[in-house]
Structure formats: C-alpha cells, structure tokens
Amino acid sequence: MDYLFRHVHPHDPGPFTHPEVAAATGLSTGLLSTLRSGKNTNPTKETQERLAGFFGVPVAFFFDVH
C-alpha cells in the first residue's frame, strides 16, 4: 500500500492523502492507515478491489511482493 501512495499519483500536487483516497473509495482513513503501515496485512476482497480501481492497478498487485 505504501508503494501505491508514494508512486501512483498525479505529478502535482503530489501523493494522495488518506482523506482523498477515503473519499474516492468509501474506505475509512483508519483502514487506509493500518494497511499502509502494515498493521493490517489482510484486506478484504472488496477493499482490494476498491483500492485497485482507485490506483489503476490490477487486484493481483496486492499479491505481488514489492
């Protein structure tokens, strides 16, 4: 998750914030924080699909080691 936040964003104004991703995906900022920090390593299929759609990556991204 941290990789997506750091590398998949428009050039300006920079990386997406948790509130921006939460608003676009319907996920909570708390969930995004735990996923990004690695405290939650088992997101649901629905969460994976929402994040994949937002960041424009396949759901398989979450199963690859980065």
N, C-alpha and C. Protein backbone atom coordinates (compact mmCIF):
# COMPACT_ATOMS: atom_id res chain seq x y z
N MET A 1 0.81 -1.19 0.00
CA MET A 1 0.00 0.00 0.00
C MET A 1 0.86 1.25 0.00
N ASP A 2 1.88 1.26 0.83
CA ASP A 2 2.72 2.46 0.89
C ASP A 2 3.31 2.76 -0.48
N TYR A 3 3.68 1.70 -1.21
CA TYR A 3 4.21 1.88 -2.55
C TYR A 3 3.22 2.65 -3.43
N LEU A 4 1.95 2.28 -3.37
CA LEU A 4 0.95 2.96 -4.19
C LEU A 4 0.84 4.43 -3.81
N PHE A 5 0.79 4.72 -2.52
CA PHE A 5 0.70 6.11 -2.09
C PHE A 5 1.92 6.91 -2.54
N ARG A 6 3.10 6.31 -2.45
CA ARG A 6 4.32 7.04 -2.79
C ARG A 6 4.55 7.19 -4.29
N HIS A 7 4.07 6.22 -5.09
CA HIS A 7 4.44 6.22 -6.50
C HIS A 7 3.31 6.39 -7.50
N VAL A 8 2.08 6.16 -7.11
CA VAL A 8 0.96 6.25 -8.06
C VAL A 8 0.13 7.47 -7.70
N HIS A 9 0.47 8.58 -8.34
CA HIS A 9 -0.25 9.82 -8.09
C HIS A 9 0.03 10.79 -9.23
N PRO A 10 -0.82 11.79 -9.36
CA PRO A 10 -0.54 12.81 -10.36
C PRO A 10 0.73 13.57 -9.97
N HIS A 11 1.39 14.14 -10.94
CA HIS A 11 2.64 14.86 -10.67
C HIS A 11 2.42 16.03 -9.72
N ASP A 12 1.34 16.71 -9.86
CA ASP A 12 1.03 17.83 -8.98
C ASP A 12 -0.36 17.60 -8.41
N PRO A 13 -0.61 17.76 -7.20
CA PRO A 13 0.22 18.37 -6.16
C PRO A 13 1.05 17.38 -5.37
N GLY A 14 1.17 16.15 -5.81
CA GLY A 14 1.96 15.16 -5.09
C GLY A 14 1.12 13.97 -4.70
N PRO A 15 1.63 13.16 -3.79
CA PRO A 15 0.91 11.94 -3.40
C PRO A 15 -0.49 12.22 -2.85
N PHE A 16 -1.37 11.25 -3.05
CA PHE A 16 -2.72 11.34 -2.49
C PHE A 16 -2.65 11.26 -0.97
N THR A 17 -3.56 11.93 -0.32
CA THR A 17 -3.68 11.83 1.13
C THR A 17 -4.68 10.75 1.48
N HIS A 18 -4.63 10.29 2.72
CA HIS A 18 -5.61 9.30 3.17
C HIS A 18 -7.04 9.81 2.99
N PRO A 19 -7.34 11.08 3.37
CA PRO A 19 -8.70 11.57 3.17
C PRO A 19 -9.14 11.58 1.70
N GLU A 20 -8.23 11.87 0.77
CA GLU A 20 -8.58 11.86 -0.65
C GLU A 20 -8.94 10.45 -1.11
N VAL A 21 -8.13 9.48 -0.71
CA VAL A 21 -8.40 8.09 -1.11
C VAL A 21 -9.67 7.59 -0.43
N ALA A 22 -9.85 7.95 0.83
CA ALA A 22 -11.05 7.53 1.56
C ALA A 22 -12.31 8.08 0.89
N ALA A 23 -12.28 9.34 0.51
CA ALA A 23 -13.45 9.95 -0.13
C ALA A 23 -13.77 9.28 -1.46
N ALA A 24 -12.75 8.90 -2.20
CA ALA A 24 -12.96 8.31 -3.53
C ALA A 24 -13.35 6.83 -3.47
N THR A 25 -12.93 6.14 -2.41
CA THR A 25 -13.16 4.69 -2.34
C THR A 25 -14.24 4.28 -1.34
N GLY A 26 -14.60 5.18 -0.43
CA GLY A 26 -15.55 4.83 0.61
C GLY A 26 -14.91 4.07 1.76
N LEU A 27 -13.59 3.96 1.77
CA LEU A 27 -12.88 3.29 2.85
C LEU A 27 -12.52 4.32 3.91
N SER A 28 -12.35 3.89 5.14
CA SER A 28 -12.01 4.83 6.20
C SER A 28 -10.53 5.19 6.17
N THR A 29 -10.23 6.36 6.68
CA THR A 29 -8.83 6.78 6.76
C THR A 29 -8.08 5.87 7.74
N GLY A 30 -8.77 5.39 8.77
CA GLY A 30 -8.14 4.47 9.71
C GLY A 30 -7.72 3.18 9.05
N LEU A 31 -8.59 2.64 8.21
CA LEU A 31 -8.26 1.41 7.48
C LEU A 31 -7.08 1.66 6.55
N LEU A 32 -7.11 2.76 5.84
CA LEU A 32 -6.00 3.08 4.93
C LEU A 32 -4.69 3.20 5.70
N SER A 33 -4.74 3.81 6.86
CA SER A 33 -3.55 3.97 7.68
C SER A 33 -2.99 2.61 8.12
N THR A 34 -3.86 1.71 8.58
CA THR A 34 -3.37 0.41 9.03
C THR A 34 -2.85 -0.43 7.87
N LEU A 35 -3.47 -0.30 6.71
CA LEU A 35 -2.97 -1.02 5.53
C LEU A 35 -1.62 -0.47 5.10
N ARG A 36 -1.51 0.83 5.07
CA ARG A 36 -0.27 1.47 4.61
C ARG A 36 0.90 1.19 5.55
N SER A 37 0.62 1.15 6.84
CA SER A 37 1.69 0.92 7.82
C SER A 37 2.06 -0.56 7.96
N GLY A 38 1.21 -1.44 7.41
CA GLY A 38 1.46 -2.86 7.52
C GLY A 38 0.85 -3.50 8.75
N LYS A 39 0.13 -2.72 9.55
CA LYS A 39 -0.54 -3.29 10.73
C LYS A 39 -1.69 -4.20 10.33
N ASN A 40 -2.29 -3.91 9.19
CA ASN A 40 -3.35 -4.77 8.63
C ASN A 40 -2.79 -5.32 7.33
N THR A 41 -2.57 -6.62 7.29
CA THR A 41 -1.99 -7.25 6.10
C THR A 41 -2.98 -8.15 5.38
N ASN A 42 -4.25 -8.06 5.75
CA ASN A 42 -5.24 -8.95 5.17
C ASN A 42 -6.51 -8.19 4.79
N PRO A 43 -6.43 -7.29 3.80
CA PRO A 43 -7.63 -6.56 3.41
C PRO A 43 -8.64 -7.48 2.73
N THR A 44 -9.90 -7.14 2.85
CA THR A 44 -10.94 -7.94 2.22
C THR A 44 -10.84 -7.80 0.70
N LYS A 45 -11.50 -8.70 0.02
CA LYS A 45 -11.53 -8.67 -1.44
C LYS A 45 -12.13 -7.34 -1.92
N GLU A 46 -13.18 -6.89 -1.25
CA GLU A 46 -13.82 -5.63 -1.63
C GLU A 46 -12.86 -4.45 -1.46
N THR A 47 -12.12 -4.45 -0.37
CA THR A 47 -11.14 -3.38 -0.13
C THR A 47 -10.07 -3.40 -1.21
N GLN A 48 -9.58 -4.58 -1.54
CA GLN A 48 -8.58 -4.71 -2.60
C GLN A 48 -9.12 -4.18 -3.92
N GLU A 49 -10.35 -4.52 -4.23
CA GLU A 49 -10.96 -4.08 -5.50
C GLU A 49 -11.11 -2.56 -5.53
N ARG A 50 -11.54 -1.98 -4.43
CA ARG A 50 -11.70 -0.52 -4.39
C ARG A 50 -10.36 0.19 -4.56
N LEU A 51 -9.35 -0.30 -3.86
CA LEU A 51 -8.03 0.33 -3.95
C LEU A 51 -7.41 0.11 -5.33
N ALA A 52 -7.56 -1.07 -5.87
CA ALA A 52 -7.03 -1.34 -7.21
C ALA A 52 -7.68 -0.41 -8.23
N GLY A 53 -8.99 -0.23 -8.13
CA GLY A 53 -9.69 0.66 -9.05
C GLY A 53 -9.22 2.09 -8.91
N PHE A 54 -9.04 2.54 -7.69
CA PHE A 54 -8.61 3.92 -7.46
C PHE A 54 -7.21 4.16 -8.02
N PHE A 55 -6.29 3.26 -7.72
CA PHE A 55 -4.89 3.45 -8.12
C PHE A 55 -4.61 2.95 -9.54
N GLY A 56 -5.60 2.30 -10.17
CA GLY A 56 -5.42 1.85 -11.55
C GLY A 56 -4.46 0.69 -11.68
N VAL A 57 -4.49 -0.22 -10.71
CA VAL A 57 -3.65 -1.41 -10.77
C VAL A 57 -4.55 -2.63 -10.71
N PRO A 58 -4.08 -3.78 -11.19
CA PRO A 58 -4.89 -4.99 -11.06
C PRO A 58 -4.93 -5.44 -9.60
N VAL A 59 -5.98 -6.15 -9.22
CA VAL A 59 -6.09 -6.66 -7.86
C VAL A 59 -4.89 -7.55 -7.54
N ALA A 60 -4.33 -8.21 -8.53
CA ALA A 60 -3.17 -9.07 -8.33
C ALA A 60 -1.99 -8.29 -7.76
N PHE A 61 -1.99 -6.99 -7.90
CA PHE A 61 -0.91 -6.16 -7.33
C PHE A 61 -0.73 -6.46 -5.84
N PHE A 62 -1.82 -6.71 -5.14
CA PHE A 62 -1.76 -6.90 -3.70
C PHE A 62 -1.18 -8.26 -3.31
N PHE A 63 -0.96 -9.12 -4.29
CA PHE A 63 -0.38 -10.41 -4.03
C PHE A 63 1.07 -10.51 -4.48
N ASP A 64 1.55 -9.48 -5.17
CA ASP A 64 2.93 -9.42 -5.61
C ASP A 64 3.78 -8.78 -4.52
N VAL A 65 5.02 -9.19 -4.43
CA VAL A 65 5.93 -8.60 -3.46
C VAL A 65 6.61 -7.39 -4.11
N HIS A 66 6.52 -6.24 -3.44
CA HIS A 66 7.16 -5.02 -3.96
C HIS A 66 8.11 -4.49 -2.94
